[in-house]
Amino acid sequence: MEYEFYPDVFWVRNFAMDALVLLLVRRFRRQGGKVCRIFFAAGFGAAASVLLFLCLPGFAWYQLCMHAVVNPLTVFLSFREKSLKSFGTDVLLSYVLTMLLGGFLSYGMETLGQWNYFWIWALGGFGIGTLLLHGLLRRKEAGQVYEILLISNEQKLSLLGFLDTGNLLTDPTVQQPVHIIQECLLQEVLEKEGLPLRYIPFHSLGQEQGLLPVVTLKAMYVKGMGEKGAESLAYVEKPVFGLAKEKLFQSRNYQVILNAKCNLG
């Protein structure tokens, strides 16, 4: 049995699938990968799939090269993870989403609408996947949100904080975990009490590297909410806070990103 192979159609379908999956990974993992970088990586992966399909002697070799080299490289180009664990998680999640989205597309196009409706089913699958992931994220966040009471020399400030397992930033000067807070929330405290700022290097917050202004407060109380630690209460002496722009907290219901190294009891 012979099949007709259309490289342009093959590239477009692979590009669409890769781009949709990578965008879903970006949404679920809250990665900082730029959309243009994701589209470039998806284009690279689709082009590589066409070349390998044409050049390799058998389908088994094609599958091996795609799964062992091209797909992991596509994920790396999209997010440029520096941690092997995070990279592995992104690759695994991309395969899970590919199977789910691929199954949805195959059912829709082969059973109901045929391949002429590829874009309708692809965008529909992406929309459903986004809604499902959004629901999972909201449920996950519910058990990681805490009531926080910040105490300076003269003032107290009640806020909500999210325990981010990806925040492992440490102040090299005092060797303390660094929590992230909206800069504007501490502006009045800094001006009235004249608390000294210092700068530490970081590799997150939407850019590859830079210097983050940090300040040490007097104390912090953390009260658990949601499923995890519903009645826990932790006291943190001399907590260190990094000052971030409000953009980092857009569409969030919390104002502080708690450090994963902080013992919240």
C-alpha atoms as a PDB file:
ATOM      1  CA  MET A   1       0.000   0.000   0.000  1.00  0.00           C
ATOM      2  CA  GLU A   2       1.345   3.412  -0.990  1.00  0.00           C
ATOM      3  CA  TYR A   3       0.633   6.777   0.617  1.00  0.00           C
ATOM      4  CA  GLU A   4       1.026  10.248  -0.820  1.00  0.00           C
ATOM      5  CA  PHE A   5       3.217  12.493   1.318  1.00  0.00           C
ATOM      6  CA  TYR A   6       2.713  16.261   1.274  1.00  0.00           C
ATOM      7  CA  PRO A   7       5.651  17.931   3.101  1.00  0.00           C
ATOM      8  CA  ASP A   8       3.872  21.288   3.425  1.00  0.00           C
ATOM      9  CA  VAL A   9       0.740  19.766   4.998  1.00  0.00           C
ATOM     10  CA  PHE A  10       2.905  17.555   7.232  1.00  0.00           C
ATOM     11  CA  TRP A  11       4.891  20.609   8.394  1.00  0.00           C
ATOM     12  CA  VAL A  12       1.783  22.712   9.097  1.00  0.00           C
ATOM     13  CA  ARG A  13       0.122  19.990  11.173  1.00  0.00           C
ATOM     14  CA  ASN A  14       3.273  19.266  13.160  1.00  0.00           C
ATOM     15  CA  PHE A  15       3.891  22.968  13.709  1.00  0.00           C
ATOM     16  CA  ALA A  16       0.331  23.497  14.948  1.00  0.00           C
ATOM     17  CA  MET A  17       0.488  20.528  17.318  1.00  0.00           C
ATOM     18  CA  ASP A  18       3.900  21.504  18.712  1.00  0.00           C
ATOM     19  CA  ALA A  19       2.915  25.140  19.186  1.00  0.00           C
ATOM     20  CA  LEU A  20      -0.360  24.289  20.924  1.00  0.00           C
ATOM     21  CA  VAL A  21       1.298  21.762  23.240  1.00  0.00           C
ATOM     22  CA  LEU A  22       4.157  24.123  24.127  1.00  0.00           C
ATOM     23  CA  LEU A  23       1.717  26.946  24.852  1.00  0.00           C
ATOM     24  CA  LEU A  24      -0.205  24.629  27.173  1.00  0.00           C
ATOM     25  CA  VAL A  25       3.035  23.645  28.928  1.00  0.00           C
ATOM     26  CA  ARG A  26       3.852  27.341  29.313  1.00  0.00           C
ATOM     27  CA  ARG A  27       0.435  27.972  30.853  1.00  0.00           C
ATOM     28  CA  PHE A  28       0.485  25.011  33.234  1.00  0.00           C
ATOM     29  CA  ARG A  29       4.090  25.384  34.372  1.00  0.00           C
ATOM     30  CA  ARG A  30       3.972  29.222  34.409  1.00  0.00           C
ATOM     31  CA  GLN A  31       7.162  29.256  32.352  1.00  0.00           C
ATOM     32  CA  GLY A  32       8.769  32.478  31.198  1.00  0.00           C
ATOM     33  CA  GLY A  33       9.206  31.292  27.617  1.00  0.00           C
ATOM     34  CA  LYS A  34       8.301  33.977  25.103  1.00  0.00           C
ATOM     35  CA  VAL A  35       5.563  33.177  22.587  1.00  0.00           C
ATOM     36  CA  CYS A  36       7.832  34.061  19.650  1.00  0.00           C
ATOM     37  CA  ARG A  37      10.452  31.629  20.994  1.00  0.00           C
ATOM     38  CA  ILE A  38       7.801  28.909  21.277  1.00  0.00           C
ATOM     39  CA  PHE A  39       6.711  29.469  17.686  1.00  0.00           C
ATOM     40  CA  PHE A  40      10.346  29.310  16.549  1.00  0.00           C
ATOM     41  CA  ALA A  41      10.870  26.041  18.432  1.00  0.00           C
ATOM     42  CA  ALA A  42       7.651  24.609  16.988  1.00  0.00           C
ATOM     43  CA  GLY A  43       8.779  25.598  13.482  1.00  0.00           C
ATOM     44  CA  PHE A  44      12.146  23.969  14.075  1.00  0.00           C
ATOM     45  CA  GLY A  45      10.527  20.770  15.340  1.00  0.00           C
ATOM     46  CA  ALA A  46       8.138  20.614  12.398  1.00  0.00           C
ATOM     47  CA  ALA A  47      10.942  21.204   9.879  1.00  0.00           C
ATOM     48  CA  ALA A  48      13.098  18.537  11.535  1.00  0.00           C
ATOM     49  CA  SER A  49      10.208  16.074  11.423  1.00  0.00           C
ATOM     50  CA  VAL A  50       9.805  16.629   7.656  1.00  0.00           C
ATOM     51  CA  LEU A  51      13.538  16.209   6.957  1.00  0.00           C
ATOM     52  CA  LEU A  52      13.843  13.103   9.112  1.00  0.00           C
ATOM     53  CA  PHE A  53      10.755  11.555   7.537  1.00  0.00           C
ATOM     54  CA  LEU A  54      12.233  12.065   4.060  1.00  0.00           C
ATOM     55  CA  CYS A  55      15.816  11.087   4.841  1.00  0.00           C
ATOM     56  CA  LEU A  56      15.708   8.209   7.302  1.00  0.00           C
ATOM     57  CA  PRO A  57      15.451   4.617   5.973  1.00  0.00           C
ATOM     58  CA  GLY A  58      12.581   3.478   8.185  1.00  0.00           C
ATOM     59  CA  PHE A  59       9.777   4.677  10.444  1.00  0.00           C
ATOM     60  CA  ALA A  60      11.435   3.170  13.525  1.00  0.00           C
ATOM     61  CA  TRP A  61      14.492   5.383  12.984  1.00  0.00           C
ATOM     62  CA  TYR A  62      12.217   8.369  12.503  1.00  0.00           C
ATOM     63  CA  GLN A  63      10.434   7.706  15.800  1.00  0.00           C
ATOM     64  CA  LEU A  64      13.716   7.193  17.653  1.00  0.00           C
ATOM     65  CA  CYS A  65      15.231  10.458  16.428  1.00  0.00           C
ATOM     66  CA  MET A  66      12.050  12.420  17.101  1.00  0.00           C
ATOM     67  CA  HIS A  67      11.599  11.175  20.661  1.00  0.00           C
ATOM     68  CA  ALA A  68      15.274  11.086  21.643  1.00  0.00           C
ATOM     69  CA  VAL A  69      16.496  14.304  20.019  1.00  0.00           C
ATOM     70  CA  VAL A  70      13.981  16.579  18.281  1.00  0.00           C
ATOM     71  CA  ASN A  71      11.169  16.713  20.849  1.00  0.00           C
ATOM     72  CA  PRO A  72      13.456  17.323  23.879  1.00  0.00           C
ATOM     73  CA  LEU A  73      15.393  19.929  21.895  1.00  0.00           C
ATOM     74  CA  THR A  74      12.142  21.668  20.943  1.00  0.00           C
ATOM     75  CA  VAL A  75      11.186  21.923  24.634  1.00  0.00           C
ATOM     76  CA  PHE A  76      14.646  23.221  25.528  1.00  0.00           C
ATOM     77  CA  LEU A  77      14.528  25.889  22.812  1.00  0.00           C
ATOM     78  CA  SER A  78      11.136  27.014  24.114  1.00  0.00           C
ATOM     79  CA  PHE A  79      11.991  27.414  27.811  1.00  0.00           C
ATOM     80  CA  ARG A  80      15.787  27.095  28.122  1.00  0.00           C
ATOM     81  CA  GLU A  81      15.523  25.376  31.483  1.00  0.00           C
ATOM     82  CA  LYS A  82      18.686  25.474  33.612  1.00  0.00           C
ATOM     83  CA  SER A  83      17.494  22.681  35.924  1.00  0.00           C
ATOM     84  CA  LEU A  84      17.533  19.096  34.692  1.00  0.00           C
ATOM     85  CA  LYS A  85      14.516  18.301  36.867  1.00  0.00           C
ATOM     86  CA  SER A  86      12.453  21.167  35.432  1.00  0.00           C
ATOM     87  CA  PHE A  87      13.507  20.240  31.900  1.00  0.00           C
ATOM     88  CA  GLY A  88      12.450  16.625  32.465  1.00  0.00           C
ATOM     89  CA  THR A  89       9.108  17.756  33.887  1.00  0.00           C
ATOM     90  CA  ASP A  90       8.478  19.971  30.852  1.00  0.00           C
ATOM     91  CA  VAL A  91       9.323  17.137  28.436  1.00  0.00           C
ATOM     92  CA  LEU A  92       7.086  14.665  30.281  1.00  0.00           C
ATOM     93  CA  LEU A  93       4.201  17.146  30.436  1.00  0.00           C
ATOM     94  CA  SER A  94       4.577  17.883  26.716  1.00  0.00           C
ATOM     95  CA  TYR A  95       4.187  14.172  25.914  1.00  0.00           C
ATOM     96  CA  VAL A  96       1.113  13.835  28.131  1.00  0.00           C
ATOM     97  CA  LEU A  97      -0.500  16.871  26.513  1.00  0.00           C
ATOM     98  CA  THR A  98       0.465  15.626  23.038  1.00  0.00           C
ATOM     99  CA  MET A  99      -1.295  12.319  23.661  1.00  0.00           C
ATOM    100  CA  LEU A 100      -4.402  14.039  25.036  1.00  0.00           C
ATOM    101  CA  LEU A 101      -4.582  16.673  22.309  1.00  0.00           C
ATOM    102  CA  GLY A 102      -3.668  14.155  19.607  1.00  0.00           C
ATOM    103  CA  GLY A 103      -6.405  11.795  20.747  1.00  0.00           C
ATOM    104  CA  PHE A 104      -8.935  14.614  20.733  1.00  0.00           C
ATOM    105  CA  LEU A 105      -7.923  15.656  17.209  1.00  0.00           C
ATOM    106  CA  SER A 106      -7.923  12.107  15.849  1.00  0.00           C
ATOM    107  CA  TYR A 107     -11.408  11.440  17.200  1.00  0.00           C
ATOM    108  CA  GLY A 108     -12.801  14.726  15.991  1.00  0.00           C
ATOM    109  CA  MET A 109     -11.345  14.713  12.508  1.00  0.00           C
ATOM    110  CA  GLU A 110     -11.535  11.024  11.641  1.00  0.00           C
ATOM    111  CA  THR A 111     -14.872  10.254  13.300  1.00  0.00           C
ATOM    112  CA  LEU A 112     -16.845  13.469  12.983  1.00  0.00           C
ATOM    113  CA  GLY A 113     -15.321  16.028  10.726  1.00  0.00           C
ATOM    114  CA  GLN A 114     -12.503  14.499   8.704  1.00  0.00           C
ATOM    115  CA  TRP A 115      -9.130  16.202   8.252  1.00  0.00           C
ATOM    116  CA  ASN A 116     -10.584  19.173   6.404  1.00  0.00           C
ATOM    117  CA  TYR A 117     -11.518  20.654   9.785  1.00  0.00           C
ATOM    118  CA  PHE A 118      -8.062  20.368  11.313  1.00  0.00           C
ATOM    119  CA  TRP A 119      -7.832  23.970  12.546  1.00  0.00           C
ATOM    120  CA  ILE A 120     -11.302  23.902  14.084  1.00  0.00           C
ATOM    121  CA  TRP A 121     -10.536  20.791  16.088  1.00  0.00           C
ATOM    122  CA  ALA A 122      -7.008  21.930  16.932  1.00  0.00           C
ATOM    123  CA  LEU A 123      -8.165  25.259  18.340  1.00  0.00           C
ATOM    124  CA  GLY A 124     -11.074  23.554  20.068  1.00  0.00           C
ATOM    125  CA  GLY A 125      -8.714  21.092  21.721  1.00  0.00           C
ATOM    126  CA  PHE A 126      -6.428  23.926  22.759  1.00  0.00           C
ATOM    127  CA  GLY A 127      -9.347  25.814  24.284  1.00  0.00           C
ATOM    128  CA  ILE A 128     -10.586  22.804  26.224  1.00  0.00           C
ATOM    129  CA  GLY A 129      -7.040  22.021  27.382  1.00  0.00           C
ATOM    130  CA  THR A 130      -6.571  25.601  28.554  1.00  0.00           C
ATOM    131  CA  LEU A 131      -9.801  25.511  30.566  1.00  0.00           C
ATOM    132  CA  LEU A 132      -8.887  22.185  32.174  1.00  0.00           C
ATOM    133  CA  LEU A 133      -5.388  23.367  33.054  1.00  0.00           C
ATOM    134  CA  HIS A 134      -6.766  26.624  34.417  1.00  0.00           C
ATOM    135  CA  GLY A 135      -9.077  24.659  36.702  1.00  0.00           C
ATOM    136  CA  LEU A 136      -6.231  22.432  37.890  1.00  0.00           C
ATOM    137  CA  LEU A 137      -4.030  25.452  38.574  1.00  0.00           C
ATOM    138  CA  ARG A 138      -6.733  27.205  40.571  1.00  0.00           C
ATOM    139  CA  ARG A 139      -7.304  24.085  42.636  1.00  0.00           C
ATOM    140  CA  LYS A 140      -3.592  23.640  43.202  1.00  0.00           C
ATOM    141  CA  GLU A 141      -3.156  27.273  44.258  1.00  0.00           C
ATOM    142  CA  ALA A 142      -6.023  27.040  46.744  1.00  0.00           C
ATOM    143  CA  GLY A 143      -3.944  24.767  48.956  1.00  0.00           C
ATOM    144  CA  GLN A 144      -0.828  26.921  48.693  1.00  0.00           C
ATOM    145  CA  VAL A 145      -2.236  30.337  49.620  1.00  0.00           C
ATOM    146  CA  TYR A 146      -1.522  31.705  53.089  1.00  0.00           C
ATOM    147  CA  GLU A 147      -2.576  34.672  55.167  1.00  0.00           C
ATOM    148  CA  ILE A 148       0.469  36.784  55.998  1.00  0.00           C
ATOM    149  CA  LEU A 149       1.098  39.441  58.604  1.00  0.00           C
ATOM    150  CA  LEU A 150       4.249  41.477  57.959  1.00  0.00           C
ATOM    151  CA  ILE A 151       5.742  43.400  60.873  1.00  0.00           C
ATOM    152  CA  SER A 152       8.239  46.226  60.518  1.00  0.00           C
ATOM    153  CA  ASN A 153       9.562  48.505  63.258  1.00  0.00           C
ATOM    154  CA  GLU A 154       6.441  50.682  63.220  1.00  0.00           C
ATOM    155  CA  GLN A 155       3.810  49.103  60.956  1.00  0.00           C
ATOM    156  CA  LYS A 156       1.863  45.899  60.270  1.00  0.00           C
ATOM    157  CA  LEU A 157       0.638  44.747  56.875  1.00  0.00           C
ATOM    158  CA  SER A 158      -1.877  41.963  56.155  1.00  0.00           C
ATOM    159  CA  LEU A 159      -1.476  40.241  52.775  1.00  0.00           C
ATOM    160  CA  LEU A 160      -1.941  36.941  50.946  1.00  0.00           C
ATOM    161  CA  GLY A 161       1.047  34.823  49.926  1.00  0.00           C
ATOM    162  CA  PHE A 162       1.495  31.927  47.509  1.00  0.00           C
ATOM    163  CA  LEU A 163       3.982  29.164  48.335  1.00  0.00           C
ATOM    164  CA  ASP A 164       5.951  28.744  45.114  1.00  0.00           C
ATOM    165  CA  THR A 165       8.037  25.567  44.958  1.00  0.00           C
ATOM    166  CA  GLY A 166      10.057  27.175  42.172  1.00  0.00           C
ATOM    167  CA  ASN A 167      11.198  30.078  44.342  1.00  0.00           C
ATOM    168  CA  LEU A 168      14.465  28.927  45.922  1.00  0.00           C
ATOM    169  CA  LEU A 169      16.184  32.317  45.892  1.00  0.00           C
ATOM    170  CA  THR A 170      18.604  32.876  48.800  1.00  0.00           C
ATOM    171  CA  ASP A 171      20.167  36.101  50.042  1.00  0.00           C
ATOM    172  CA  PRO A 172      23.932  35.385  49.916  1.00  0.00           C
ATOM    173  CA  THR A 173      24.630  38.094  52.512  1.00  0.00           C
ATOM    174  CA  VAL A 174      22.523  36.732  55.394  1.00  0.00           C
ATOM    175  CA  GLN A 175      21.912  33.226  53.979  1.00  0.00           C
ATOM    176  CA  GLN A 176      18.135  33.560  54.290  1.00  0.00           C
ATOM    177  CA  PRO A 177      15.387  32.551  51.843  1.00  0.00           C
ATOM    178  CA  VAL A 178      14.018  35.479  49.830  1.00  0.00           C
ATOM    179  CA  HIS A 179      10.280  36.019  49.464  1.00  0.00           C
ATOM    180  CA  ILE A 180       8.970  38.220  46.637  1.00  0.00           C
ATOM    181  CA  ILE A 181       6.548  41.091  47.261  1.00  0.00           C
ATOM    182  CA  GLN A 182       5.006  43.878  45.212  1.00  0.00           C
ATOM    183  CA  GLU A 183       7.358  46.834  45.467  1.00  0.00           C
ATOM    184  CA  CYS A 184       4.554  49.354  45.953  1.00  0.00           C
ATOM    185  CA  LEU A 185       3.300  47.605  49.107  1.00  0.00           C
ATOM    186  CA  LEU A 186       6.514  48.326  51.007  1.00  0.00           C
ATOM    187  CA  GLN A 187       7.120  51.779  49.544  1.00  0.00           C
ATOM    188  CA  GLU A 188       5.594  53.605  52.537  1.00  0.00           C
ATOM    189  CA  VAL A 189       7.472  51.412  55.028  1.00  0.00           C
ATOM    190  CA  LEU A 190      10.777  52.027  53.263  1.00  0.00           C
ATOM    191  CA  GLU A 191      10.246  55.790  53.138  1.00  0.00           C
ATOM    192  CA  LYS A 192       9.054  56.257  56.742  1.00  0.00           C
ATOM    193  CA  GLU A 193      11.435  53.875  58.469  1.00  0.00           C
ATOM    194  CA  GLY A 194      14.433  54.297  56.190  1.00  0.00           C
ATOM    195  CA  LEU A 195      15.074  50.562  55.917  1.00  0.00           C
ATOM    196  CA  PRO A 196      18.277  49.872  53.963  1.00  0.00           C
ATOM    197  CA  LEU A 197      18.078  48.172  50.580  1.00  0.00           C
ATOM    198  CA  ARG A 198      20.697  45.819  49.182  1.00  0.00           C
ATOM    199  CA  TYR A 199      20.906  44.002  45.863  1.00  0.00           C
ATOM    200  CA  ILE A 200      21.306  40.297  45.149  1.00  0.00           C
ATOM    201  CA  PRO A 201      21.676  38.412  41.834  1.00  0.00           C
ATOM    202  CA  PHE A 202      18.698  36.416  40.518  1.00  0.00           C
ATOM    203  CA  HIS A 203      17.756  34.349  37.463  1.00  0.00           C
ATOM    204  CA  SER A 204      13.998  34.620  37.212  1.00  0.00           C
ATOM    205  CA  LEU A 205      11.166  37.154  37.340  1.00  0.00           C
ATOM    206  CA  GLY A 206      10.860  37.310  33.571  1.00  0.00           C
ATOM    207  CA  GLN A 207      14.508  37.827  32.655  1.00  0.00           C
ATOM    208  CA  GLU A 208      17.619  35.713  32.422  1.00  0.00           C
ATOM    209  CA  GLN A 209      19.624  37.454  35.123  1.00  0.00           C
ATOM    210  CA  GLY A 210      19.817  40.719  37.014  1.00  0.00           C
ATOM    211  CA  LEU A 211      19.961  42.384  40.430  1.00  0.00           C
ATOM    212  CA  LEU A 212      16.987  42.290  42.779  1.00  0.00           C
ATOM    213  CA  PRO A 213      16.524  44.895  45.566  1.00  0.00           C
ATOM    214  CA  VAL A 214      15.825  43.201  48.900  1.00  0.00           C
ATOM    215  CA  VAL A 215      14.991  44.393  52.406  1.00  0.00           C
ATOM    216  CA  THR A 216      14.821  42.677  55.795  1.00  0.00           C
ATOM    217  CA  LEU A 217      11.727  43.221  57.957  1.00  0.00           C
ATOM    218  CA  LYS A 218      11.274  42.582  61.671  1.00  0.00           C
ATOM    219  CA  ALA A 219       9.025  39.504  61.520  1.00  0.00           C
ATOM    220  CA  MET A 220       6.331  37.642  59.587  1.00  0.00           C
ATOM    221  CA  TYR A 221       3.409  35.475  60.693  1.00  0.00           C
ATOM    222  CA  VAL A 222       2.068  32.935  58.193  1.00  0.00           C
ATOM    223  CA  LYS A 223      -1.339  31.306  58.655  1.00  0.00           C
ATOM    224  CA  GLY A 224      -2.328  28.388  56.439  1.00  0.00           C
ATOM    225  CA  MET A 225      -5.442  28.403  54.263  1.00  0.00           C
ATOM    226  CA  GLY A 226      -7.059  25.778  52.049  1.00  0.00           C
ATOM    227  CA  GLU A 227      -6.292  22.066  51.967  1.00  0.00           C
ATOM    228  CA  LYS A 228      -2.693  22.110  53.147  1.00  0.00           C
ATOM    229  CA  GLY A 229      -1.952  23.384  56.653  1.00  0.00           C
ATOM    230  CA  ALA A 230      -5.440  24.752  57.195  1.00  0.00           C
ATOM    231  CA  GLU A 231      -4.702  25.528  60.842  1.00  0.00           C
ATOM    232  CA  SER A 232      -0.938  25.985  60.751  1.00  0.00           C
ATOM    233  CA  LEU A 233       0.675  29.134  62.101  1.00  0.00           C
ATOM    234  CA  ALA A 234       4.352  29.915  61.533  1.00  0.00           C
ATOM    235  CA  TYR A 235       6.543  32.712  62.842  1.00  0.00           C
ATOM    236  CA  VAL A 236       9.487  33.878  60.743  1.00  0.00           C
ATOM    237  CA  GLU A 237      12.024  36.226  62.307  1.00  0.00           C
ATOM    238  CA  LYS A 238      13.770  38.806  60.123  1.00  0.00           C
ATOM    239  CA  PRO A 239      12.313  37.665  56.793  1.00  0.00           C
ATOM    240  CA  VAL A 240      13.963  38.904  53.597  1.00  0.00           C
ATOM    241  CA  PHE A 241      11.771  40.306  50.820  1.00  0.00           C
ATOM    242  CA  GLY A 242      12.688  40.982  47.219  1.00  0.00           C
ATOM    243  CA  LEU A 243      10.881  43.935  45.635  1.00  0.00           C
ATOM    244  CA  ALA A 244       9.249  43.111  42.304  1.00  0.00           C
ATOM    245  CA  LYS A 245       7.177  45.165  39.883  1.00  0.00           C
ATOM    246  CA  GLU A 246       3.402  44.844  39.953  1.00  0.00           C
ATOM    247  CA  LYS A 247       3.449  43.173  36.519  1.00  0.00           C
ATOM    248  CA  LEU A 248       4.639  39.933  38.127  1.00  0.00           C
ATOM    249  CA  PHE A 249       1.413  39.719  40.151  1.00  0.00           C
ATOM    250  CA  GLN A 250      -1.095  40.601  37.456  1.00  0.00           C
ATOM    251  CA  SER A 251      -4.270  38.459  37.543  1.00  0.00           C
ATOM    252  CA  ARG A 252      -3.119  36.902  40.839  1.00  0.00           C
ATOM    253  CA  ASN A 253      -5.098  36.903  44.087  1.00  0.00           C
ATOM    254  CA  TYR A 254      -1.944  37.154  46.204  1.00  0.00           C
ATOM    255  CA  GLN A 255       0.699  39.842  46.734  1.00  0.00           C
ATOM    256  CA  VAL A 256       3.622  37.763  48.043  1.00  0.00           C
ATOM    257  CA  ILE A 257       5.485  34.776  46.581  1.00  0.00           C
ATOM    258  CA  LEU A 258       6.741  32.743  49.518  1.00  0.00           C
ATOM    259  CA  ASN A 259      10.062  30.934  49.316  1.00  0.00           C
ATOM    260  CA  ALA A 260       9.918  27.135  49.188  1.00  0.00           C
ATOM    261  CA  LYS A 261      12.781  26.903  51.696  1.00  0.00           C
ATOM    262  CA  CYS A 262      10.772  28.686  54.368  1.00  0.00           C
ATOM    263  CA  ASN A 263       9.510  26.326  57.083  1.00  0.00           C
ATOM    264  CA  LEU A 264       5.796  27.054  57.440  1.00  0.00           C
ATOM    265  CA  GLY A 265       5.129  24.233  59.894  1.00  0.00           C
END
